[in-house]
Amino acid sequence: MKASTIAILNKSAPYGRVNGQESLDMALAMSNFGQDVNLFFIEDSVLQLVKRQTPDTIQHKAYHKTFAALGFYDIDNIYVCQQSLLERNLEVTDLLIPVTLIESDQLTALISESAQVMVF
């Protein structure tokens, strides 16, 4: 990882707050400015990546469709806490995009290598 890497740590569920959409917008914007971005999903934020969401039923924007564009922005380092998936009875096959599963100790190590950390 480069010293200029920005870690975006997601902790929030996808709806009820704007954190999920804001973190995604931040990642795309930072990438546009040439920053290396690593996305991390822990706790309830893993729900942001689940397939077959229907946010329109609760009158929310379907921002989860934008995750498919991350590759076009050269955001390839997408890390998901394996324990968070297990606690929510989810598997990697339930997710919208390819991710790298990590354990808690790996999360700490990867984040510590980042120049900046933003928590959503």
PDB file of N, CA and C in Angstrom:
ATOM      1  N   MET A   1       0.833  -1.176   0.000  1.00  0.00           N
ATOM      2  CA  MET A   1       0.000   0.000   0.000  1.00  0.00           C
ATOM      3  C   MET A   1       0.881   1.243   0.000  1.00  0.00           C
ATOM      4  N   LYS A   2       0.444   2.239  -0.731  1.00  0.00           N
ATOM      5  CA  LYS A   2       1.182   3.489  -0.807  1.00  0.00           C
ATOM      6  C   LYS A   2       0.896   4.337   0.419  1.00  0.00           C
ATOM      7  N   ALA A   3       1.836   5.220   0.724  1.00  0.00           N
ATOM      8  CA  ALA A   3       1.680   6.098   1.878  1.00  0.00           C
ATOM      9  C   ALA A   3       0.513   7.060   1.714  1.00  0.00           C
ATOM     10  N   SER A   4       0.084   7.293   0.487  1.00  0.00           N
ATOM     11  CA  SER A   4      -1.018   8.227   0.245  1.00  0.00           C
ATOM     12  C   SER A   4      -2.374   7.542   0.236  1.00  0.00           C
ATOM     13  N   THR A   5      -2.430   6.298   0.659  1.00  0.00           N
ATOM     14  CA  THR A   5      -3.686   5.556   0.650  1.00  0.00           C
ATOM     15  C   THR A   5      -4.666   6.120   1.675  1.00  0.00           C
ATOM     16  N   ILE A   6      -5.901   6.237   1.244  1.00  0.00           N
ATOM     17  CA  ILE A   6      -6.969   6.686   2.130  1.00  0.00           C
ATOM     18  C   ILE A   6      -7.856   5.485   2.437  1.00  0.00           C
ATOM     19  N   ALA A   7      -8.070   5.245   3.709  1.00  0.00           N
ATOM     20  CA  ALA A   7      -8.961   4.170   4.141  1.00  0.00           C
ATOM     21  C   ALA A   7     -10.322   4.771   4.456  1.00  0.00           C
ATOM     22  N   ILE A   8     -11.346   4.185   3.872  1.00  0.00           N
ATOM     23  CA  ILE A   8     -12.717   4.586   4.181  1.00  0.00           C
ATOM     24  C   ILE A   8     -13.353   3.407   4.897  1.00  0.00           C
ATOM     25  N   LEU A   9     -13.611   3.612   6.180  1.00  0.00           N
ATOM     26  CA  LEU A   9     -14.130   2.568   7.048  1.00  0.00           C
ATOM     27  C   LEU A   9     -15.633   2.756   7.212  1.00  0.00           C
ATOM     28  N   ASN A  10     -16.386   1.815   6.678  1.00  0.00           N
ATOM     29  CA  ASN A  10     -17.849   1.842   6.770  1.00  0.00           C
ATOM     30  C   ASN A  10     -18.305   1.001   7.945  1.00  0.00           C
ATOM     31  N   LYS A  11     -19.201   1.576   8.746  1.00  0.00           N
ATOM     32  CA  LYS A  11     -19.745   0.864   9.898  1.00  0.00           C
ATOM     33  C   LYS A  11     -21.272   0.871   9.915  1.00  0.00           C
ATOM     34  N   SER A  12     -21.879   1.717   9.092  1.00  0.00           N
ATOM     35  CA  SER A  12     -23.322   1.962   9.166  1.00  0.00           C
ATOM     36  C   SER A  12     -24.136   1.113   8.202  1.00  0.00           C
ATOM     37  N   ALA A  13     -25.327   0.774   8.618  1.00  0.00           N
ATOM     38  CA  ALA A  13     -26.287   0.085   7.750  1.00  0.00           C
ATOM     39  C   ALA A  13     -26.623   0.993   6.570  1.00  0.00           C
ATOM     40  N   PRO A  14     -27.131   0.429   5.490  1.00  0.00           N
ATOM     41  CA  PRO A  14     -27.328   1.219   4.279  1.00  0.00           C
ATOM     42  C   PRO A  14     -28.424   2.286   4.348  1.00  0.00           C
ATOM     43  N   TYR A  15     -29.437   2.099   5.148  1.00  0.00           N
ATOM     44  CA  TYR A  15     -30.555   3.039   5.122  1.00  0.00           C
ATOM     45  C   TYR A  15     -30.862   3.538   6.524  1.00  0.00           C
ATOM     46  N   GLY A  16     -31.506   4.689   6.596  1.00  0.00           N
ATOM     47  CA  GLY A  16     -31.791   5.307   7.881  1.00  0.00           C
ATOM     48  C   GLY A  16     -30.845   6.458   8.163  1.00  0.00           C
ATOM     49  N   ARG A  17     -29.653   6.385   7.584  1.00  0.00           N
ATOM     50  CA  ARG A  17     -28.649   7.446   7.671  1.00  0.00           C
ATOM     51  C   ARG A  17     -28.029   7.569   6.284  1.00  0.00           C
ATOM     52  N   VAL A  18     -27.348   8.654   6.034  1.00  0.00           N
ATOM     53  CA  VAL A  18     -26.740   8.863   4.713  1.00  0.00           C
ATOM     54  C   VAL A  18     -25.277   8.424   4.670  1.00  0.00           C
ATOM     55  N   ASN A  19     -24.782   7.852   5.742  1.00  0.00           N
ATOM     56  CA  ASN A  19     -23.363   7.495   5.824  1.00  0.00           C
ATOM     57  C   ASN A  19     -22.898   6.609   4.676  1.00  0.00           C
ATOM     58  N   GLY A  20     -23.678   5.605   4.323  1.00  0.00           N
ATOM     59  CA  GLY A  20     -23.274   4.683   3.273  1.00  0.00           C
ATOM     60  C   GLY A  20     -23.095   5.377   1.939  1.00  0.00           C
ATOM     61  N   GLN A  21     -24.072   6.176   1.564  1.00  0.00           N
ATOM     62  CA  GLN A  21     -23.976   6.885   0.291  1.00  0.00           C
ATOM     63  C   GLN A  21     -22.853   7.918   0.328  1.00  0.00           C
ATOM     64  N   GLU A  22     -22.699   8.599   1.450  1.00  0.00           N
ATOM     65  CA  GLU A  22     -21.631   9.591   1.554  1.00  0.00           C
ATOM     66  C   GLU A  22     -20.253   8.955   1.457  1.00  0.00           C
ATOM     67  N   SER A  23     -20.074   7.787   2.046  1.00  0.00           N
ATOM     68  CA  SER A  23     -18.767   7.133   1.970  1.00  0.00           C
ATOM     69  C   SER A  23     -18.468   6.682   0.547  1.00  0.00           C
ATOM     70  N   LEU A  24     -19.489   6.202  -0.157  1.00  0.00           N
ATOM     71  CA  LEU A  24     -19.308   5.804  -1.545  1.00  0.00           C
ATOM     72  C   LEU A  24     -18.978   7.018  -2.410  1.00  0.00           C
ATOM     73  N   ASP A  25     -19.702   8.110  -2.216  1.00  0.00           N
ATOM     74  CA  ASP A  25     -19.417   9.342  -2.953  1.00  0.00           C
ATOM     75  C   ASP A  25     -18.006   9.839  -2.661  1.00  0.00           C
ATOM     76  N   MET A  26     -17.590   9.748  -1.402  1.00  0.00           N
ATOM     77  CA  MET A  26     -16.242  10.176  -1.009  1.00  0.00           C
ATOM     78  C   MET A  26     -15.190   9.316  -1.705  1.00  0.00           C
ATOM     79  N   ALA A  27     -15.397   8.025  -1.737  1.00  0.00           N
ATOM     80  CA  ALA A  27     -14.438   7.122  -2.390  1.00  0.00           C
ATOM     81  C   ALA A  27     -14.293   7.458  -3.863  1.00  0.00           C
ATOM     82  N   LEU A  28     -15.397   7.677  -4.549  1.00  0.00           N
ATOM     83  CA  LEU A  28     -15.352   7.999  -5.974  1.00  0.00           C
ATOM     84  C   LEU A  28     -14.673   9.345  -6.208  1.00  0.00           C
ATOM     85  N   ALA A  29     -14.981  10.327  -5.383  1.00  0.00           N
ATOM     86  CA  ALA A  29     -14.369  11.653  -5.518  1.00  0.00           C
ATOM     87  C   ALA A  29     -12.867  11.595  -5.262  1.00  0.00           C
ATOM     88  N   MET A  30     -12.454  10.891  -4.218  1.00  0.00           N
ATOM     89  CA  MET A  30     -11.020  10.794  -3.905  1.00  0.00           C
ATOM     90  C   MET A  30     -10.268  10.092  -5.030  1.00  0.00           C
ATOM     91  N   SER A  31     -10.879   9.082  -5.603  1.00  0.00           N
ATOM     92  CA  SER A  31     -10.255   8.381  -6.716  1.00  0.00           C
ATOM     93  C   SER A  31     -10.102   9.307  -7.924  1.00  0.00           C
ATOM     94  N   ASN A  32     -11.099  10.152  -8.161  1.00  0.00           N
ATOM     95  CA  ASN A  32     -11.022  11.120  -9.262  1.00  0.00           C
ATOM     96  C   ASN A  32      -9.856  12.079  -9.091  1.00  0.00           C
ATOM     97  N   PHE A  33      -9.452  12.321  -7.845  1.00  0.00           N
ATOM     98  CA  PHE A  33      -8.331  13.202  -7.573  1.00  0.00           C
ATOM     99  C   PHE A  33      -7.013  12.438  -7.446  1.00  0.00           C
ATOM    100  N   GLY A  34      -7.002  11.193  -7.909  1.00  0.00           N
ATOM    101  CA  GLY A  34      -5.767  10.420  -7.964  1.00  0.00           C
ATOM    102  C   GLY A  34      -5.341   9.760  -6.666  1.00  0.00           C
ATOM    103  N   GLN A  35      -6.210   9.722  -5.685  1.00  0.00           N
ATOM    104  CA  GLN A  35      -5.883   9.091  -4.413  1.00  0.00           C
ATOM    105  C   GLN A  35      -6.127   7.583  -4.498  1.00  0.00           C
ATOM    106  N   ASP A  36      -5.301   6.823  -3.818  1.00  0.00           N
ATOM    107  CA  ASP A  36      -5.540   5.391  -3.679  1.00  0.00           C
ATOM    108  C   ASP A  36      -6.537   5.209  -2.538  1.00  0.00           C
ATOM    109  N   VAL A  37      -7.605   4.491  -2.819  1.00  0.00           N
ATOM    110  CA  VAL A  37      -8.686   4.325  -1.839  1.00  0.00           C
ATOM    111  C   VAL A  37      -8.861   2.850  -1.511  1.00  0.00           C
ATOM    112  N   ASN A  38      -8.924   2.561  -0.239  1.00  0.00           N
ATOM    113  CA  ASN A  38      -9.278   1.230   0.248  1.00  0.00           C
ATOM    114  C   ASN A  38     -10.589   1.355   1.003  1.00  0.00           C
ATOM    115  N   LEU A  39     -11.551   0.526   0.629  1.00  0.00           N
ATOM    116  CA  LEU A  39     -12.847   0.523   1.301  1.00  0.00           C
ATOM    117  C   LEU A  39     -12.928  -0.651   2.262  1.00  0.00           C
ATOM    118  N   PHE A  40     -13.421  -0.383   3.453  1.00  0.00           N
ATOM    119  CA  PHE A  40     -13.587  -1.412   4.473  1.00  0.00           C
ATOM    120  C   PHE A  40     -15.043  -1.424   4.924  1.00  0.00           C
ATOM    121  N   PHE A  41     -15.592  -2.616   5.064  1.00  0.00           N
ATOM    122  CA  PHE A  41     -16.968  -2.778   5.520  1.00  0.00           C
ATOM    123  C   PHE A  41     -16.966  -3.684   6.739  1.00  0.00           C
ATOM    124  N   ILE A  42     -17.424  -3.126   7.862  1.00  0.00           N
ATOM    125  CA  ILE A  42     -17.508  -3.890   9.109  1.00  0.00           C
ATOM    126  C   ILE A  42     -18.894  -3.655   9.713  1.00  0.00           C
ATOM    127  N   GLU A  43     -19.219  -4.473  10.674  1.00  0.00           N
ATOM    128  CA  GLU A  43     -20.481  -4.351  11.405  1.00  0.00           C
ATOM    129  C   GLU A  43     -21.657  -4.314  10.427  1.00  0.00           C
ATOM    130  N   ASP A  44     -22.635  -3.427  10.650  1.00  0.00           N
ATOM    131  CA  ASP A  44     -23.832  -3.377   9.815  1.00  0.00           C
ATOM    132  C   ASP A  44     -23.576  -2.867   8.397  1.00  0.00           C
ATOM    133  N   SER A  45     -22.414  -2.298   8.154  1.00  0.00           N
ATOM    134  CA  SER A  45     -22.151  -1.775   6.804  1.00  0.00           C
ATOM    135  C   SER A  45     -22.063  -2.882   5.758  1.00  0.00           C
ATOM    136  N   VAL A  46     -21.826  -4.114   6.182  1.00  0.00           N
ATOM    137  CA  VAL A  46     -21.802  -5.208   5.198  1.00  0.00           C
ATOM    138  C   VAL A  46     -23.150  -5.329   4.490  1.00  0.00           C
ATOM    139  N   LEU A  47     -24.203  -4.841   5.117  1.00  0.00           N
ATOM    140  CA  LEU A  47     -25.536  -4.883   4.512  1.00  0.00           C
ATOM    141  C   LEU A  47     -25.635  -3.960   3.298  1.00  0.00           C
ATOM    142  N   GLN A  48     -24.743  -2.978   3.193  1.00  0.00           N
ATOM    143  CA  GLN A  48     -24.719  -2.098   2.026  1.00  0.00           C
ATOM    144  C   GLN A  48     -24.423  -2.878   0.749  1.00  0.00           C
ATOM    145  N   LEU A  49     -23.718  -3.989   0.872  1.00  0.00           N
ATOM    146  CA  LEU A  49     -23.246  -4.745  -0.284  1.00  0.00           C
ATOM    147  C   LEU A  49     -24.140  -5.926  -0.664  1.00  0.00           C
ATOM    148  N   VAL A  50     -25.234  -6.114   0.046  1.00  0.00           N
ATOM    149  CA  VAL A  50     -26.096  -7.267  -0.193  1.00  0.00           C
ATOM    150  C   VAL A  50     -26.865  -7.096  -1.503  1.00  0.00           C
ATOM    151  N   LYS A  51     -26.953  -8.185  -2.260  1.00  0.00           N
ATOM    152  CA  LYS A  51     -27.731  -8.201  -3.509  1.00  0.00           C
ATOM    153  C   LYS A  51     -29.220  -8.043  -3.204  1.00  0.00           C
ATOM    154  N   ARG A  52     -29.966  -7.704  -4.212  1.00  0.00           N
ATOM    155  CA  ARG A  52     -31.429  -7.648  -4.177  1.00  0.00           C
ATOM    156  C   ARG A  52     -31.984  -6.737  -3.083  1.00  0.00           C
ATOM    157  N   GLN A  53     -31.450  -5.537  -3.003  1.00  0.00           N
ATOM    158  CA  GLN A  53     -32.001  -4.550  -2.087  1.00  0.00           C
ATOM    159  C   GLN A  53     -33.188  -3.856  -2.756  1.00  0.00           C
ATOM    160  N   THR A  54     -34.130  -3.447  -1.950  1.00  0.00           N
ATOM    161  CA  THR A  54     -35.304  -2.730  -2.475  1.00  0.00           C
ATOM    162  C   THR A  54     -35.542  -1.448  -1.667  1.00  0.00           C
ATOM    163  N   PRO A  55     -34.629  -0.502  -1.762  1.00  0.00           N
ATOM    164  CA  PRO A  55     -34.764   0.724  -0.969  1.00  0.00           C
ATOM    165  C   PRO A  55     -35.950   1.586  -1.376  1.00  0.00           C
ATOM    166  N   ASP A  56     -36.449   1.411  -2.589  1.00  0.00           N
ATOM    167  CA  ASP A  56     -37.594   2.204  -3.025  1.00  0.00           C
ATOM    168  C   ASP A  56     -38.840   1.910  -2.182  1.00  0.00           C
ATOM    169  N   THR A  57     -38.904   0.725  -1.593  1.00  0.00           N
ATOM    170  CA  THR A  57     -40.059   0.391  -0.754  1.00  0.00           C
ATOM    171  C   THR A  57     -40.094   1.226   0.530  1.00  0.00           C
ATOM    172  N   ILE A  58     -38.942   1.773   0.914  1.00  0.00           N
ATOM    173  CA  ILE A  58     -38.880   2.664   2.074  1.00  0.00           C
ATOM    174  C   ILE A  58     -38.516   4.084   1.639  1.00  0.00           C
ATOM    175  N   GLN A  59     -38.687   4.341   0.348  1.00  0.00           N
ATOM    176  CA  GLN A  59     -38.479   5.662  -0.253  1.00  0.00           C
ATOM    177  C   GLN A  59     -37.058   6.184  -0.080  1.00  0.00           C
ATOM    178  N   HIS A  60     -36.095   5.310  -0.362  1.00  0.00           N
ATOM    179  CA  HIS A  60     -34.684   5.693  -0.353  1.00  0.00           C
ATOM    180  C   HIS A  60     -34.085   5.483  -1.728  1.00  0.00           C
ATOM    181  N   LYS A  61     -33.030   6.219  -1.994  1.00  0.00           N
ATOM    182  CA  LYS A  61     -32.315   6.096  -3.263  1.00  0.00           C
ATOM    183  C   LYS A  61     -31.557   4.772  -3.301  1.00  0.00           C
ATOM    184  N   ALA A  62     -31.537   4.144  -4.466  1.00  0.00           N
ATOM    185  CA  ALA A  62     -30.855   2.858  -4.638  1.00  0.00           C
ATOM    186  C   ALA A  62     -29.380   3.073  -4.960  1.00  0.00           C
ATOM    187  N   TYR A  63     -28.634   3.644  -4.016  1.00  0.00           N
ATOM    188  CA  TYR A  63     -27.225   3.942  -4.271  1.00  0.00           C
ATOM    189  C   TYR A  63     -26.369   2.684  -4.378  1.00  0.00           C
ATOM    190  N   HIS A  64     -26.868   1.544  -3.894  1.00  0.00           N
ATOM    191  CA  HIS A  64     -26.080   0.312  -3.928  1.00  0.00           C
ATOM    192  C   HIS A  64     -25.707  -0.091  -5.349  1.00  0.00           C
ATOM    193  N   LYS A  65     -26.438   0.378  -6.341  1.00  0.00           N
ATOM    194  CA  LYS A  65     -26.116   0.065  -7.733  1.00  0.00           C
ATOM    195  C   LYS A  65     -24.788   0.684  -8.159  1.00  0.00           C
ATOM    196  N   THR A  66     -24.377   1.742  -7.477  1.00  0.00           N
ATOM    197  CA  THR A  66     -23.131   2.438  -7.803  1.00  0.00           C
ATOM    198  C   THR A  66     -21.899   1.614  -7.431  1.00  0.00           C
ATOM    199  N   PHE A  67     -22.019   0.662  -6.544  1.00  0.00           N
ATOM    200  CA  PHE A  67     -20.869  -0.157  -6.166  1.00  0.00           C
ATOM    201  C   PHE A  67     -20.254  -0.856  -7.376  1.00  0.00           C
ATOM    202  N   ALA A  68     -21.074  -1.160  -8.368  1.00  0.00           N
ATOM    203  CA  ALA A  68     -20.567  -1.826  -9.576  1.00  0.00           C
ATOM    204  C   ALA A  68     -19.570  -0.946 -10.329  1.00  0.00           C
ATOM    205  N   ALA A  69     -19.595   0.354 -10.114  1.00  0.00           N
ATOM    206  CA  ALA A  69     -18.696   1.281 -10.818  1.00  0.00           C
ATOM    207  C   ALA A  69     -17.332   1.416 -10.158  1.00  0.00           C
ATOM    208  N   LEU A  70     -17.141   0.843  -8.999  1.00  0.00           N
ATOM    209  CA  LEU A  70     -15.867   1.029  -8.298  1.00  0.00           C
ATOM    210  C   LEU A  70     -14.663   0.622  -9.140  1.00  0.00           C
ATOM    211  N   GLY A  71     -14.775  -0.445  -9.886  1.00  0.00           N
ATOM    212  CA  GLY A  71     -13.677  -0.891 -10.732  1.00  0.00           C
ATOM    213  C   GLY A  71     -13.288   0.131 -11.783  1.00  0.00           C
ATOM    214  N   PHE A  72     -14.265   0.855 -12.314  1.00  0.00           N
ATOM    215  CA  PHE A  72     -13.991   1.900 -13.303  1.00  0.00           C
ATOM    216  C   PHE A  72     -13.199   3.051 -12.696  1.00  0.00           C
ATOM    217  N   TYR A  73     -13.287   3.198 -11.393  1.00  0.00           N
ATOM    218  CA  TYR A  73     -12.564   4.248 -10.681  1.00  0.00           C
ATOM    219  C   TYR A  73     -11.258   3.722 -10.076  1.00  0.00           C
ATOM    220  N   ASP A  74     -10.871   2.531 -10.478  1.00  0.00           N
ATOM    221  CA  ASP A  74      -9.655   1.884  -9.967  1.00  0.00           C
ATOM    222  C   ASP A  74      -9.680   1.689  -8.457  1.00  0.00           C
ATOM    223  N   ILE A  75     -10.853   1.468  -7.918  1.00  0.00           N
ATOM    224  CA  ILE A  75     -10.992   1.137  -6.500  1.00  0.00           C
ATOM    225  C   ILE A  75     -11.212  -0.369  -6.444  1.00  0.00           C
ATOM    226  N   ASP A  76     -10.114  -1.071  -6.238  1.00  0.00           N
ATOM    227  CA  ASP A  76     -10.153  -2.528  -6.276  1.00  0.00           C
ATOM    228  C   ASP A  76      -9.975  -3.165  -4.901  1.00  0.00           C
ATOM    229  N   ASN A  77      -9.520  -2.388  -3.937  1.00  0.00           N
ATOM    230  CA  ASN A  77      -9.286  -2.920  -2.596  1.00  0.00           C
ATOM    231  C   ASN A  77     -10.526  -2.698  -1.744  1.00  0.00           C
ATOM    232  N   ILE A  78     -11.378  -3.714  -1.765  1.00  0.00           N
ATOM    233  CA  ILE A  78     -12.632  -3.662  -1.020  1.00  0.00           C
ATOM    234  C   ILE A  78     -12.611  -4.811  -0.024  1.00  0.00           C
ATOM    235  N   TYR A  79     -12.535  -4.450   1.242  1.00  0.00           N
ATOM    236  CA  TYR A  79     -12.357  -5.435   2.301  1.00  0.00           C
ATOM    237  C   TYR A  79     -13.621  -5.554   3.144  1.00  0.00           C
ATOM    238  N   VAL A  80     -14.006  -6.775   3.431  1.00  0.00           N
ATOM    239  CA  VAL A  80     -15.193  -7.041   4.245  1.00  0.00           C
ATOM    240  C   VAL A  80     -14.792  -7.923   5.421  1.00  0.00           C
ATOM    241  N   CYS A  81     -15.225  -7.537   6.602  1.00  0.00           N
ATOM    242  CA  CYS A  81     -14.956  -8.322   7.806  1.00  0.00           C
ATOM    243  C   CYS A  81     -15.758  -9.619   7.765  1.00  0.00           C
ATOM    244  N   GLN A  82     -15.042 -10.709   7.788  1.00  0.00           N
ATOM    245  CA  GLN A  82     -15.685 -12.015   7.719  1.00  0.00           C
ATOM    246  C   GLN A  82     -16.605 -12.251   8.915  1.00  0.00           C
ATOM    247  N   GLN A  83     -16.189 -11.830  10.082  1.00  0.00           N
ATOM    248  CA  GLN A  83     -17.000 -12.007  11.290  1.00  0.00           C
ATOM    249  C   GLN A  83     -18.323 -11.244  11.176  1.00  0.00           C
ATOM    250  N   SER A  84     -18.277 -10.049  10.584  1.00  0.00           N
ATOM    251  CA  SER A  84     -19.507  -9.265  10.406  1.00  0.00           C
ATOM    252  C   SER A  84     -20.485  -9.980   9.486  1.00  0.00           C
ATOM    253  N   LEU A  85     -19.967 -10.630   8.442  1.00  0.00           N
ATOM    254  CA  LEU A  85     -20.837 -11.416   7.564  1.00  0.00           C
ATOM    255  C   LEU A  85     -21.461 -12.574   8.328  1.00  0.00           C
ATOM    256  N   LEU A  86     -20.633 -13.307   9.068  1.00  0.00           N
ATOM    257  CA  LEU A  86     -21.123 -14.461   9.817  1.00  0.00           C
ATOM    258  C   LEU A  86     -22.199 -14.073  10.824  1.00  0.00           C
ATOM    259  N   GLU A  87     -21.998 -12.960  11.509  1.00  0.00           N
ATOM    260  CA  GLU A  87     -22.966 -12.506  12.511  1.00  0.00           C
ATOM    261  C   GLU A  87     -24.315 -12.150  11.896  1.00  0.00           C
ATOM    262  N   ARG A  88     -24.325 -11.870  10.593  1.00  0.00           N
ATOM    263  CA  ARG A  88     -25.559 -11.504   9.896  1.00  0.00           C
ATOM    264  C   ARG A  88     -26.044 -12.608   8.957  1.00  0.00           C
ATOM    265  N   ASN A  89     -25.493 -13.800   9.159  1.00  0.00           N
ATOM    266  CA  ASN A  89     -25.859 -14.976   8.354  1.00  0.00           C
ATOM    267  C   ASN A  89     -25.708 -14.725   6.858  1.00  0.00           C
ATOM    268  N   LEU A  90     -24.629 -14.044   6.488  1.00  0.00           N
ATOM    269  CA  LEU A  90     -24.343 -13.750   5.091  1.00  0.00           C
ATOM    270  C   LEU A  90     -23.083 -14.462   4.642  1.00  0.00           C
ATOM    271  N   GLU A  91     -23.018 -14.690   3.338  1.00  0.00           N
ATOM    272  CA  GLU A  91     -21.825 -15.265   2.726  1.00  0.00           C
ATOM    273  C   GLU A  91     -21.360 -14.329   1.626  1.00  0.00           C
ATOM    274  N   VAL A  92     -20.153 -14.504   1.180  1.00  0.00           N
ATOM    275  CA  VAL A  92     -19.602 -13.644   0.135  1.00  0.00           C
ATOM    276  C   VAL A  92     -20.440 -13.725  -1.141  1.00  0.00           C
ATOM    277  N   THR A  93     -21.104 -14.830  -1.383  1.00  0.00           N
ATOM    278  CA  THR A  93     -21.953 -14.971  -2.569  1.00  0.00           C
ATOM    279  C   THR A  93     -23.219 -14.122  -2.487  1.00  0.00           C
ATOM    280  N   ASP A  94     -23.526 -13.597  -1.308  1.00  0.00           N
ATOM    281  CA  ASP A  94     -24.685 -12.728  -1.129  1.00  0.00           C
ATOM    282  C   ASP A  94     -24.383 -11.275  -1.502  1.00  0.00           C
ATOM    283  N   LEU A  95     -23.127 -10.989  -1.832  1.00  0.00           N
ATOM    284  CA  LEU A  95     -22.706  -9.608  -2.053  1.00  0.00           C
ATOM    285  C   LEU A  95     -22.710  -9.225  -3.530  1.00  0.00           C
ATOM    286  N   LEU A  96     -22.900  -7.933  -3.771  1.00  0.00           N
ATOM    287  CA  LEU A  96     -23.010  -7.374  -5.107  1.00  0.00           C
ATOM    288  C   LEU A  96     -21.720  -7.424  -5.923  1.00  0.00           C
ATOM    289  N   ILE A  97     -20.611  -7.277  -5.256  1.00  0.00           N
ATOM    290  CA  ILE A  97     -19.324  -7.113  -5.937  1.00  0.00           C
ATOM    291  C   ILE A  97     -18.284  -8.037  -5.317  1.00  0.00           C
ATOM    292  N   PRO A  98     -17.206  -8.288  -6.043  1.00  0.00           N
ATOM    293  CA  PRO A  98     -16.114  -9.081  -5.460  1.00  0.00           C
ATOM    294  C   PRO A  98     -15.434  -8.297  -4.329  1.00  0.00           C
ATOM    295  N   VAL A  99     -15.142  -8.998  -3.260  1.00  0.00           N
ATOM    296  CA  VAL A  99     -14.501  -8.386  -2.100  1.00  0.00           C
ATOM    297  C   VAL A  99     -13.405  -9.315  -1.587  1.00  0.00           C
ATOM    298  N   THR A 100     -12.579  -8.772  -0.717  1.00  0.00           N
ATOM    299  CA  THR A 100     -11.581  -9.563  -0.014  1.00  0.00           C
ATOM    300  C   THR A 100     -12.041  -9.698   1.433  1.00  0.00           C
ATOM    301  N   LEU A 101     -12.213 -10.923   1.892  1.00  0.00           N
ATOM    302  CA  LEU A 101     -12.600 -11.149   3.285  1.00  0.00           C
ATOM    303  C   LEU A 101     -11.384 -11.017   4.180  1.00  0.00           C
ATOM    304  N   ILE A 102     -11.565 -10.354   5.303  1.00  0.00           N
ATOM    305  CA  ILE A 102     -10.469 -10.175   6.250  1.00  0.00           C
ATOM    306  C   ILE A 102     -10.955 -10.444   7.667  1.00  0.00           C
ATOM    307  N   GLU A 103     -10.011 -10.750   8.525  1.00  0.00           N
ATOM    308  CA  GLU A 103     -10.263 -10.913   9.952  1.00  0.00           C
ATOM    309  C   GLU A 103      -9.977  -9.584  10.652  1.00  0.00           C
ATOM    310  N   SER A 104     -10.387  -9.465  11.881  1.00  0.00           N
ATOM    311  CA  SER A 104     -10.222  -8.217  12.635  1.00  0.00           C
ATOM    312  C   SER A 104      -8.773  -7.760  12.727  1.00  0.00           C
ATOM    313  N   ASP A 105      -7.860  -8.694  12.953  1.00  0.00           N
ATOM    314  CA  ASP A 105      -6.452  -8.302  13.080  1.00  0.00           C
ATOM    315  C   ASP A 105      -5.901  -7.787  11.751  1.00  0.00           C
ATOM    316  N   GLN A 106      -6.372  -8.326  10.642  1.00  0.00           N
ATOM    317  CA  GLN A 106      -5.963  -7.838   9.327  1.00  0.00           C
ATOM    318  C   GLN A 106      -6.499  -6.424   9.097  1.00  0.00           C
ATOM    319  N   LEU A 107      -7.711  -6.168   9.551  1.00  0.00           N
ATOM    320  CA  LEU A 107      -8.320  -4.847   9.423  1.00  0.00           C
ATOM    321  C   LEU A 107      -7.437  -3.801  10.091  1.00  0.00           C
ATOM    322  N   THR A 108      -7.041  -4.072  11.301  1.00  0.00           N
ATOM    323  CA  THR A 108      -6.201  -3.141  12.044  1.00  0.00           C
ATOM    324  C   THR A 108      -4.885  -2.890  11.315  1.00  0.00           C
ATOM    325  N   ALA A 109      -4.262  -3.937  10.822  1.00  0.00           N
ATOM    326  CA  ALA A 109      -2.983  -3.798  10.122  1.00  0.00           C
ATOM    327  C   ALA A 109      -3.138  -2.982   8.841  1.00  0.00           C
ATOM    328  N   LEU A 110      -4.164  -3.277   8.054  1.00  0.00           N
ATOM    329  CA  LEU A 110      -4.358  -2.560   6.791  1.00  0.00           C
ATOM    330  C   LEU A 110      -4.678  -1.087   7.019  1.00  0.00           C
ATOM    331  N   ILE A 111      -5.506  -0.808   7.982  1.00  0.00           N
ATOM    332  CA  ILE A 111      -5.855   0.587   8.264  1.00  0.00           C
ATOM    333  C   ILE A 111      -4.646   1.354   8.778  1.00  0.00           C
ATOM    334  N   SER A 112      -3.809   0.719   9.560  1.00  0.00           N
ATOM    335  CA  SER A 112      -2.643   1.412  10.111  1.00  0.00           C
ATOM    336  C   SER A 112      -1.648   1.816   9.025  1.00  0.00           C
ATOM    337  N   GLU A 113      -1.728   1.203   7.853  1.00  0.00           N
ATOM    338  CA  GLU A 113      -0.846   1.548   6.744  1.00  0.00           C
ATOM    339  C   GLU A 113      -1.360   2.735   5.932  1.00  0.00           C
ATOM    340  N   SER A 114      -2.534   3.233   6.259  1.00  0.00           N
ATOM    341  CA  SER A 114      -3.149   4.309   5.481  1.00  0.00           C
ATOM    342  C   SER A 114      -2.698   5.682   5.983  1.00  0.00           C
ATOM    343  N   ALA A 115      -2.614   6.618   5.052  1.00  0.00           N
ATOM    344  CA  ALA A 115      -2.239   7.988   5.405  1.00  0.00           C
ATOM    345  C   ALA A 115      -3.380   8.678   6.146  1.00  0.00           C
ATOM    346  N   GLN A 116      -4.612   8.373   5.747  1.00  0.00           N
ATOM    347  CA  GLN A 116      -5.790   8.964   6.378  1.00  0.00           C
ATOM    348  C   GLN A 116      -6.871   7.909   6.505  1.00  0.00           C
ATOM    349  N   VAL A 117      -7.688   8.077   7.532  1.00  0.00           N
ATOM    350  CA  VAL A 117      -8.813   7.157   7.741  1.00  0.00           C
ATOM    351  C   VAL A 117     -10.073   8.005   7.948  1.00  0.00           C
ATOM    352  N   MET A 118     -11.092   7.659   7.168  1.00  0.00           N
ATOM    353  CA  MET A 118     -12.390   8.323   7.320  1.00  0.00           C
ATOM    354  C   MET A 118     -13.392   7.261   7.739  1.00  0.00           C
ATOM    355  N   VAL A 119     -14.169   7.567   8.752  1.00  0.00           N
ATOM    356  CA  VAL A 119     -15.126   6.598   9.294  1.00  0.00           C
ATOM    357  C   VAL A 119     -16.550   7.094   9.017  1.00  0.00           C
ATOM    358  N   PHE A 120     -17.347   6.199   8.461  1.00  0.00           N
ATOM    359  CA  PHE A 120     -18.733   6.514   8.138  1.00  0.00           C
ATOM    360  C   PHE A 120     -19.650   5.511   8.816  1.00  0.00           C
TER     361      PHE A 120
END
